[in-house]
Amino acid sequence: MQHARITRPSTPITDKAFVYRRSEATNVADTFARAREQLQAAAAPAPPKRSTRRTQAISRSPIAPVPLQLPIL
């Protein structure tokens, strides 16, 4: 059984950026659409990092994998 995830508002009531809106002025469909967009943006893969000379040198290093040999019993 999974426990309920604790969620908090993105802007606390004590923040100066908080603006109270009456329920009649709120469109729930827009709220859910915005939430879906935020979730998709968070789940999107990060852009690849730029390679530097150091990372290029590391990727070209001639290190070969060592084969694993188990003892015979």
PDB file of N, CA and C in Angstrom:
ATOM      1  N   MET A   1       0.841  -1.184   0.000  1.00  0.00           N
ATOM      2  CA  MET A   1       0.000   0.000   0.000  1.00  0.00           C
ATOM      3  C   MET A   1       0.883   1.243   0.000  1.00  0.00           C
ATOM      4  N   GLN A   2       0.563   2.189  -0.867  1.00  0.00           N
ATOM      5  CA  GLN A   2       1.332   3.420  -0.941  1.00  0.00           C
ATOM      6  C   GLN A   2       0.665   4.493  -0.102  1.00  0.00           C
ATOM      7  N   HIS A   3       1.514   5.271   0.535  1.00  0.00           N
ATOM      8  CA  HIS A   3       1.004   6.395   1.315  1.00  0.00           C
ATOM      9  C   HIS A   3       0.717   7.562   0.381  1.00  0.00           C
ATOM     10  N   ALA A   4      -0.174   8.408   0.790  1.00  0.00           N
ATOM     11  CA  ALA A   4      -0.508   9.577  -0.007  1.00  0.00           C
ATOM     12  C   ALA A   4       0.686  10.529  -0.034  1.00  0.00           C
ATOM     13  N   ARG A   5       0.951  11.083  -1.204  1.00  0.00           N
ATOM     14  CA  ARG A   5       2.051  12.021  -1.352  1.00  0.00           C
ATOM     15  C   ARG A   5       1.634  13.367  -0.775  1.00  0.00           C
ATOM     16  N   ILE A   6       2.493  13.964   0.013  1.00  0.00           N
ATOM     17  CA  ILE A   6       2.204  15.272   0.596  1.00  0.00           C
ATOM     18  C   ILE A   6       2.545  16.331  -0.438  1.00  0.00           C
ATOM     19  N   THR A   7       1.571  17.141  -0.782  1.00  0.00           N
ATOM     20  CA  THR A   7       1.802  18.216  -1.740  1.00  0.00           C
ATOM     21  C   THR A   7       1.577  19.543  -1.048  1.00  0.00           C
ATOM     22  N   ARG A   8       2.284  20.519  -1.521  1.00  0.00           N
ATOM     23  CA  ARG A   8       2.169  21.861  -0.947  1.00  0.00           C
ATOM     24  C   ARG A   8       1.928  22.841  -2.087  1.00  0.00           C
ATOM     25  N   PRO A   9       1.319  23.974  -1.794  1.00  0.00           N
ATOM     26  CA  PRO A   9       1.126  24.966  -2.853  1.00  0.00           C
ATOM     27  C   PRO A   9       2.476  25.503  -3.327  1.00  0.00           C
ATOM     28  N   SER A  10       2.540  25.888  -4.603  1.00  0.00           N
ATOM     29  CA  SER A  10       3.794  26.406  -5.144  1.00  0.00           C
ATOM     30  C   SER A  10       4.130  27.776  -4.557  1.00  0.00           C
ATOM     31  N   THR A  11       3.130  28.553  -4.190  1.00  0.00           N
ATOM     32  CA  THR A  11       3.352  29.861  -3.575  1.00  0.00           C
ATOM     33  C   THR A  11       2.674  29.879  -2.208  1.00  0.00           C
ATOM     34  N   PRO A  12       3.451  29.993  -1.128  1.00  0.00           N
ATOM     35  CA  PRO A  12       2.816  30.026   0.188  1.00  0.00           C
ATOM     36  C   PRO A  12       1.976  31.292   0.379  1.00  0.00           C
ATOM     37  N   ILE A  13       1.018  31.205   1.261  1.00  0.00           N
ATOM     38  CA  ILE A  13       0.124  32.333   1.531  1.00  0.00           C
ATOM     39  C   ILE A  13       0.891  33.539   2.067  1.00  0.00           C
ATOM     40  N   THR A  14       1.980  33.289   2.773  1.00  0.00           N
ATOM     41  CA  THR A  14       2.755  34.381   3.362  1.00  0.00           C
ATOM     42  C   THR A  14       3.642  35.095   2.352  1.00  0.00           C
ATOM     43  N   ASP A  15       3.765  34.566   1.129  1.00  0.00           N
ATOM     44  CA  ASP A  15       4.594  35.186   0.105  1.00  0.00           C
ATOM     45  C   ASP A  15       3.877  36.396  -0.477  1.00  0.00           C
ATOM     46  N   LYS A  16       4.637  37.440  -0.816  1.00  0.00           N
ATOM     47  CA  LYS A  16       4.031  38.646  -1.396  1.00  0.00           C
ATOM     48  C   LYS A  16       3.499  38.381  -2.801  1.00  0.00           C
ATOM     49  N   ALA A  17       4.002  37.347  -3.460  1.00  0.00           N
ATOM     50  CA  ALA A  17       3.535  37.020  -4.812  1.00  0.00           C
ATOM     51  C   ALA A  17       2.189  36.305  -4.797  1.00  0.00           C
ATOM     52  N   PHE A  18       1.732  35.872  -3.626  1.00  0.00           N
ATOM     53  CA  PHE A  18       0.453  35.166  -3.527  1.00  0.00           C
ATOM     54  C   PHE A  18      -0.698  36.127  -3.800  1.00  0.00           C
ATOM     55  N   VAL A  19      -1.590  35.702  -4.679  1.00  0.00           N
ATOM     56  CA  VAL A  19      -2.779  36.497  -5.006  1.00  0.00           C
ATOM     57  C   VAL A  19      -3.996  35.612  -4.802  1.00  0.00           C
ATOM     58  N   TYR A  20      -4.922  36.056  -3.976  1.00  0.00           N
ATOM     59  CA  TYR A  20      -6.143  35.280  -3.725  1.00  0.00           C
ATOM     60  C   TYR A  20      -7.110  35.484  -4.878  1.00  0.00           C
ATOM     61  N   ARG A  21      -7.680  34.386  -5.347  1.00  0.00           N
ATOM     62  CA  ARG A  21      -8.708  34.453  -6.392  1.00  0.00           C
ATOM     63  C   ARG A  21      -9.938  33.710  -5.906  1.00  0.00           C
ATOM     64  N   ARG A  22     -11.088  34.280  -6.167  1.00  0.00           N
ATOM     65  CA  ARG A  22     -12.334  33.620  -5.804  1.00  0.00           C
ATOM     66  C   ARG A  22     -12.546  32.428  -6.725  1.00  0.00           C
ATOM     67  N   SER A  23     -13.281  31.444  -6.253  1.00  0.00           N
ATOM     68  CA  SER A  23     -13.496  30.231  -7.029  1.00  0.00           C
ATOM     69  C   SER A  23     -14.248  30.504  -8.332  1.00  0.00           C
ATOM     70  N   GLU A  24     -15.081  31.539  -8.351  1.00  0.00           N
ATOM     71  CA  GLU A  24     -15.810  31.858  -9.582  1.00  0.00           C
ATOM     72  C   GLU A  24     -14.872  32.359 -10.675  1.00  0.00           C
ATOM     73  N   ALA A  25     -13.726  32.902 -10.311  1.00  0.00           N
ATOM     74  CA  ALA A  25     -12.781  33.460 -11.279  1.00  0.00           C
ATOM     75  C   ALA A  25     -11.719  32.440 -11.695  1.00  0.00           C
ATOM     76  N   THR A  26     -11.827  31.223 -11.205  1.00  0.00           N
ATOM     77  CA  THR A  26     -10.829  30.196 -11.505  1.00  0.00           C
ATOM     78  C   THR A  26     -11.384  29.198 -12.506  1.00  0.00           C
ATOM     79  N   ASN A  27     -10.621  28.928 -13.564  1.00  0.00           N
ATOM     80  CA  ASN A  27     -11.003  27.935 -14.552  1.00  0.00           C
ATOM     81  C   ASN A  27     -10.200  26.665 -14.258  1.00  0.00           C
ATOM     82  N   VAL A  28     -10.868  25.627 -13.820  1.00  0.00           N
ATOM     83  CA  VAL A  28     -10.200  24.391 -13.426  1.00  0.00           C
ATOM     84  C   VAL A  28      -9.525  23.726 -14.625  1.00  0.00           C
ATOM     85  N   ALA A  29     -10.123  23.819 -15.804  1.00  0.00           N
ATOM     86  CA  ALA A  29      -9.529  23.212 -16.999  1.00  0.00           C
ATOM     87  C   ALA A  29      -8.177  23.845 -17.308  1.00  0.00           C
ATOM     88  N   ASP A  30      -8.068  25.164 -17.173  1.00  0.00           N
ATOM     89  CA  ASP A  30      -6.784  25.845 -17.396  1.00  0.00           C
ATOM     90  C   ASP A  30      -5.755  25.429 -16.355  1.00  0.00           C
ATOM     91  N   THR A  31      -6.204  25.275 -15.116  1.00  0.00           N
ATOM     92  CA  THR A  31      -5.298  24.865 -14.038  1.00  0.00           C
ATOM     93  C   THR A  31      -4.719  23.483 -14.318  1.00  0.00           C
ATOM     94  N   PHE A  32      -5.563  22.538 -14.729  1.00  0.00           N
ATOM     95  CA  PHE A  32      -5.084  21.192 -15.018  1.00  0.00           C
ATOM     96  C   PHE A  32      -4.217  21.164 -16.267  1.00  0.00           C
ATOM     97  N   ALA A  33      -4.532  21.974 -17.267  1.00  0.00           N
ATOM     98  CA  ALA A  33      -3.702  22.043 -18.473  1.00  0.00           C
ATOM     99  C   ALA A  33      -2.311  22.566 -18.129  1.00  0.00           C
ATOM    100  N   ARG A  34      -2.248  23.587 -17.289  1.00  0.00           N
ATOM    101  CA  ARG A  34      -0.957  24.142 -16.863  1.00  0.00           C
ATOM    102  C   ARG A  34      -0.174  23.106 -16.055  1.00  0.00           C
ATOM    103  N   ALA A  35      -0.846  22.373 -15.198  1.00  0.00           N
ATOM    104  CA  ALA A  35      -0.182  21.340 -14.405  1.00  0.00           C
ATOM    105  C   ALA A  35       0.366  20.235 -15.303  1.00  0.00           C
ATOM    106  N   ARG A  36      -0.409  19.833 -16.331  1.00  0.00           N
ATOM    107  CA  ARG A  36       0.066  18.805 -17.268  1.00  0.00           C
ATOM    108  C   ARG A  36       1.314  19.288 -18.009  1.00  0.00           C
ATOM    109  N   GLU A  37       1.323  20.549 -18.430  1.00  0.00           N
ATOM    110  CA  GLU A  37       2.486  21.109 -19.123  1.00  0.00           C
ATOM    111  C   GLU A  37       3.711  21.116 -18.213  1.00  0.00           C
ATOM    112  N   GLN A  38       3.525  21.467 -16.949  1.00  0.00           N
ATOM    113  CA  GLN A  38       4.643  21.481 -16.007  1.00  0.00           C
ATOM    114  C   GLN A  38       5.179  20.074 -15.779  1.00  0.00           C
ATOM    115  N   LEU A  39       4.298  19.083 -15.692  1.00  0.00           N
ATOM    116  CA  LEU A  39       4.742  17.703 -15.507  1.00  0.00           C
ATOM    117  C   LEU A  39       5.493  17.198 -16.735  1.00  0.00           C
ATOM    118  N   GLN A  40       5.018  17.545 -17.930  1.00  0.00           N
ATOM    119  CA  GLN A  40       5.699  17.125 -19.148  1.00  0.00           C
ATOM    120  C   GLN A  40       7.069  17.782 -19.264  1.00  0.00           C
ATOM    121  N   ALA A  41       7.149  19.047 -18.874  1.00  0.00           N
ATOM    122  CA  ALA A  41       8.436  19.745 -18.931  1.00  0.00           C
ATOM    123  C   ALA A  41       9.423  19.132 -17.943  1.00  0.00           C
ATOM    124  N   ALA A  42       8.938  18.728 -16.785  1.00  0.00           N
ATOM    125  CA  ALA A  42       9.814  18.120 -15.789  1.00  0.00           C
ATOM    126  C   ALA A  42      10.258  16.728 -16.221  1.00  0.00           C
ATOM    127  N   ALA A  43       9.422  16.017 -16.969  1.00  0.00           N
ATOM    128  CA  ALA A  43       9.752  14.666 -17.404  1.00  0.00           C
ATOM    129  C   ALA A  43      10.575  14.658 -18.690  1.00  0.00           C
ATOM    130  N   ALA A  44      10.668  15.778 -19.379  1.00  0.00           N
ATOM    131  CA  ALA A  44      11.429  15.837 -20.630  1.00  0.00           C
ATOM    132  C   ALA A  44      12.909  15.640 -20.334  1.00  0.00           C
ATOM    133  N   PRO A  45      13.619  14.931 -21.216  1.00  0.00           N
ATOM    134  CA  PRO A  45      15.046  14.724 -20.977  1.00  0.00           C
ATOM    135  C   PRO A  45      15.813  16.041 -21.068  1.00  0.00           C
ATOM    136  N   ALA A  46      16.835  16.142 -20.267  1.00  0.00           N
ATOM    137  CA  ALA A  46      17.656  17.346 -20.262  1.00  0.00           C
ATOM    138  C   ALA A  46      18.474  17.401 -21.553  1.00  0.00           C
ATOM    139  N   PRO A  47      18.744  18.594 -22.047  1.00  0.00           N
ATOM    140  CA  PRO A  47      19.556  18.687 -23.262  1.00  0.00           C
ATOM    141  C   PRO A  47      20.958  18.145 -22.985  1.00  0.00           C
ATOM    142  N   PRO A  48      21.616  17.588 -23.989  1.00  0.00           N
ATOM    143  CA  PRO A  48      22.956  17.028 -23.755  1.00  0.00           C
ATOM    144  C   PRO A  48      23.933  18.116 -23.358  1.00  0.00           C
ATOM    145  N   LYS A  49      24.844  17.747 -22.487  1.00  0.00           N
ATOM    146  CA  LYS A  49      25.847  18.706 -22.033  1.00  0.00           C
ATOM    147  C   LYS A  49      26.888  18.906 -23.120  1.00  0.00           C
ATOM    148  N   ARG A  50      27.437  20.096 -23.148  1.00  0.00           N
ATOM    149  CA  ARG A  50      28.497  20.377 -24.111  1.00  0.00           C
ATOM    150  C   ARG A  50      29.746  19.626 -23.697  1.00  0.00           C
ATOM    151  N   SER A  51      30.445  19.109 -24.667  1.00  0.00           N
ATOM    152  CA  SER A  51      31.686  18.411 -24.347  1.00  0.00           C
ATOM    153  C   SER A  51      32.826  19.417 -24.300  1.00  0.00           C
ATOM    154  N   THR A  52      33.759  19.164 -23.424  1.00  0.00           N
ATOM    155  CA  THR A  52      34.938  20.009 -23.294  1.00  0.00           C
ATOM    156  C   THR A  52      36.156  19.204 -23.713  1.00  0.00           C
ATOM    157  N   ARG A  53      37.281  19.848 -23.765  1.00  0.00           N
ATOM    158  CA  ARG A  53      38.498  19.121 -24.130  1.00  0.00           C
ATOM    159  C   ARG A  53      38.790  18.015 -23.131  1.00  0.00           C
ATOM    160  N   ARG A  54      38.516  18.287 -21.869  1.00  0.00           N
ATOM    161  CA  ARG A  54      38.786  17.279 -20.844  1.00  0.00           C
ATOM    162  C   ARG A  54      37.897  16.047 -21.034  1.00  0.00           C
ATOM    163  N   THR A  55      36.596  16.263 -21.254  1.00  0.00           N
ATOM    164  CA  THR A  55      35.699  15.113 -21.425  1.00  0.00           C
ATOM    165  C   THR A  55      36.015  14.371 -22.717  1.00  0.00           C
ATOM    166  N   GLN A  56      36.458  15.079 -23.748  1.00  0.00           N
ATOM    167  CA  GLN A  56      36.841  14.413 -24.980  1.00  0.00           C
ATOM    168  C   GLN A  56      38.077  13.558 -24.763  1.00  0.00           C
ATOM    169  N   ALA A  57      39.038  14.066 -23.980  1.00  0.00           N
ATOM    170  CA  ALA A  57      40.256  13.304 -23.699  1.00  0.00           C
ATOM    171  C   ALA A  57      39.934  12.073 -22.866  1.00  0.00           C
ATOM    172  N   ILE A  58      39.019  12.200 -21.931  1.00  0.00           N
ATOM    173  CA  ILE A  58      38.644  11.062 -21.095  1.00  0.00           C
ATOM    174  C   ILE A  58      37.934  10.008 -21.931  1.00  0.00           C
ATOM    175  N   SER A  59      37.071  10.444 -22.828  1.00  0.00           N
ATOM    176  CA  SER A  59      36.331   9.475 -23.637  1.00  0.00           C
ATOM    177  C   SER A  59      37.237   8.762 -24.638  1.00  0.00           C
ATOM    178  N   ARG A  60      38.380   9.377 -24.990  1.00  0.00           N
ATOM    179  CA  ARG A  60      39.299   8.750 -25.934  1.00  0.00           C
ATOM    180  C   ARG A  60      40.395   7.948 -25.238  1.00  0.00           C
ATOM    181  N   SER A  61      40.389   7.885 -23.915  1.00  0.00           N
ATOM    182  CA  SER A  61      41.464   7.180 -23.212  1.00  0.00           C
ATOM    183  C   SER A  61      41.400   5.690 -23.518  1.00  0.00           C
ATOM    184  N   PRO A  62      42.564   5.043 -23.668  1.00  0.00           N
ATOM    185  CA  PRO A  62      42.594   3.632 -24.072  1.00  0.00           C
ATOM    186  C   PRO A  62      42.465   2.662 -22.901  1.00  0.00           C
ATOM    187  N   ILE A  63      41.472   2.842 -22.075  1.00  0.00           N
ATOM    188  CA  ILE A  63      41.260   1.944 -20.941  1.00  0.00           C
ATOM    189  C   ILE A  63      40.356   0.816 -21.405  1.00  0.00           C
ATOM    190  N   ALA A  64      40.871  -0.391 -21.311  1.00  0.00           N
ATOM    191  CA  ALA A  64      40.099  -1.555 -21.740  1.00  0.00           C
ATOM    192  C   ALA A  64      39.428  -2.178 -20.525  1.00  0.00           C
ATOM    193  N   PRO A  65      38.254  -2.758 -20.690  1.00  0.00           N
ATOM    194  CA  PRO A  65      37.608  -3.415 -19.550  1.00  0.00           C
ATOM    195  C   PRO A  65      38.380  -4.673 -19.149  1.00  0.00           C
ATOM    196  N   VAL A  66      38.457  -4.903 -17.859  1.00  0.00           N
ATOM    197  CA  VAL A  66      39.160  -6.068 -17.329  1.00  0.00           C
ATOM    198  C   VAL A  66      38.171  -7.220 -17.249  1.00  0.00           C
ATOM    199  N   PRO A  67      38.486  -8.365 -17.885  1.00  0.00           N
ATOM    200  CA  PRO A  67      37.547  -9.494 -17.811  1.00  0.00           C
ATOM    201  C   PRO A  67      37.529 -10.081 -16.409  1.00  0.00           C
ATOM    202  N   LEU A  68      36.379 -10.475 -15.974  1.00  0.00           N
ATOM    203  CA  LEU A  68      36.209 -11.066 -14.650  1.00  0.00           C
ATOM    204  C   LEU A  68      36.449 -12.569 -14.739  1.00  0.00           C
ATOM    205  N   GLN A  69      37.372 -13.056 -13.921  1.00  0.00           N
ATOM    206  CA  GLN A  69      37.666 -14.481 -13.903  1.00  0.00           C
ATOM    207  C   GLN A  69      37.309 -15.028 -12.534  1.00  0.00           C
ATOM    208  N   LEU A  70      36.392 -15.964 -12.505  1.00  0.00           N
ATOM    209  CA  LEU A  70      35.980 -16.571 -11.253  1.00  0.00           C
ATOM    210  C   LEU A  70      36.801 -17.821 -10.995  1.00  0.00           C
ATOM    211  N   PRO A  71      37.158 -18.092  -9.744  1.00  0.00           N
ATOM    212  CA  PRO A  71      37.936 -19.302  -9.449  1.00  0.00           C
ATOM    213  C   PRO A  71      37.084 -20.549  -9.656  1.00  0.00           C
ATOM    214  N   ILE A  72      37.719 -21.607 -10.109  1.00  0.00           N
ATOM    215  CA  ILE A  72      37.037 -22.877 -10.328  1.00  0.00           C
ATOM    216  C   ILE A  72      37.139 -23.678  -9.050  1.00  0.00           C
ATOM    217  N   LEU A  73      36.048 -24.104  -8.526  1.00  0.00           N
ATOM    218  CA  LEU A  73      36.031 -24.864  -7.270  1.00  0.00           C
ATOM    219  C   LEU A  73      35.954 -26.329  -7.515  1.00  0.00           C
TER     220      LEU A  73
END
